[in-house]
């Protein structure tokens, strides 16, 4: 498993699968919620979970879109 960071874009490689990690600021924009809301979601089941890399917090982009699809689906 390796991590490649390029600016605010991070990609986590797990075998053949690559997942795009987005910073919290971008996740807030994608979800249309406040930073306080996304912070409260950390311990709530079914909500997108953060991925910490050092002091930085990212979210898996596909999980954000999956969450939106579950809400609107």
Protein backbone atom coordinates (compact mmCIF):
# COMPACT_ATOMS: atom_id res chain seq x y z
CA UNK A 1 0.00 0.00 0.00
CA UNK A 2 1.38 3.39 -0.96
CA UNK A 3 0.27 7.00 -0.80
CA UNK A 4 0.96 9.57 -3.47
CA UNK A 5 0.30 13.20 -2.55
CA UNK A 6 0.22 15.96 -5.17
CA UNK A 7 -0.91 19.32 -3.80
CA UNK A 8 -4.44 18.90 -2.48
CA UNK A 9 -4.94 15.70 -4.49
CA UNK A 10 -4.10 12.41 -2.84
CA UNK A 11 -4.50 8.93 -4.25
CA UNK A 12 -4.45 5.84 -2.07
CA UNK A 13 -3.43 2.67 -3.90
CA UNK A 14 -4.69 -0.65 -2.57
CA UNK A 15 -3.52 -3.36 -4.94
CA UNK A 16 -5.15 -2.65 -8.30
CA UNK A 17 -7.76 -0.31 -6.83
CA UNK A 18 -6.98 3.41 -6.72
CA UNK A 19 -9.14 5.77 -4.67
CA UNK A 20 -9.05 9.53 -4.98
CA UNK A 21 -8.80 11.26 -1.63
CA UNK A 22 -10.17 14.77 -1.41
CA UNK A 23 -9.34 17.27 1.34
CA UNK A 24 -12.04 18.15 3.88
CA UNK A 25 -12.57 21.54 2.21
CA UNK A 26 -13.48 19.84 -1.08
CA UNK A 27 -15.62 17.20 0.68
CA UNK A 28 -17.63 19.98 2.35
CA UNK A 29 -18.24 21.51 -1.10
CA UNK A 30 -19.21 18.17 -2.70
CA UNK A 31 -21.66 17.35 0.11
CA UNK A 32 -23.02 20.87 0.52
CA UNK A 33 -22.58 20.85 4.31
CA UNK A 34 -20.59 22.93 6.77
CA UNK A 35 -17.24 21.93 8.29
CA UNK A 36 -18.99 21.59 11.66
CA UNK A 37 -21.49 19.14 10.17
CA UNK A 38 -18.87 16.95 8.52
CA UNK A 39 -16.90 16.95 11.80
CA UNK A 40 -19.98 15.77 13.74
CA UNK A 41 -20.46 12.91 11.24
CA UNK A 42 -17.21 11.19 12.30
CA UNK A 43 -18.95 8.92 14.80
CA UNK A 44 -22.26 8.43 12.98
CA UNK A 45 -22.80 5.15 11.16
CA UNK A 46 -23.51 5.43 7.44
CA UNK A 47 -21.81 8.80 7.03
CA UNK A 48 -18.58 9.27 5.01
CA UNK A 49 -15.56 8.59 7.23
CA UNK A 50 -12.38 10.68 7.19
CA UNK A 51 -8.95 9.31 6.29
CA UNK A 52 -6.13 10.97 8.25
CA UNK A 53 -2.70 11.42 6.71
CA UNK A 54 -0.59 13.06 9.39
CA UNK A 55 -2.47 16.20 10.43
CA UNK A 56 -4.43 16.40 7.17
CA UNK A 57 -7.94 14.99 6.79
CA UNK A 58 -9.20 13.53 3.53
CA UNK A 59 -12.32 11.73 2.34
CA UNK A 60 -12.60 9.01 -0.29
CA UNK A 61 -14.31 10.71 -3.21
CA UNK A 62 -16.30 7.64 -4.27
CA UNK A 63 -17.70 7.28 -0.72
CA UNK A 64 -18.93 10.89 -0.86
CA UNK A 65 -20.72 10.24 -4.15
CA UNK A 66 -22.11 6.92 -2.88
CA UNK A 67 -23.51 8.73 0.18
CA UNK A 68 -25.20 11.32 -2.03
CA UNK A 69 -26.67 8.58 -4.21
CA UNK A 70 -28.09 6.79 -1.14
CA UNK A 71 -29.77 10.05 -0.06
CA UNK A 72 -31.20 10.86 -3.47
CA UNK A 73 -31.63 7.34 -4.84
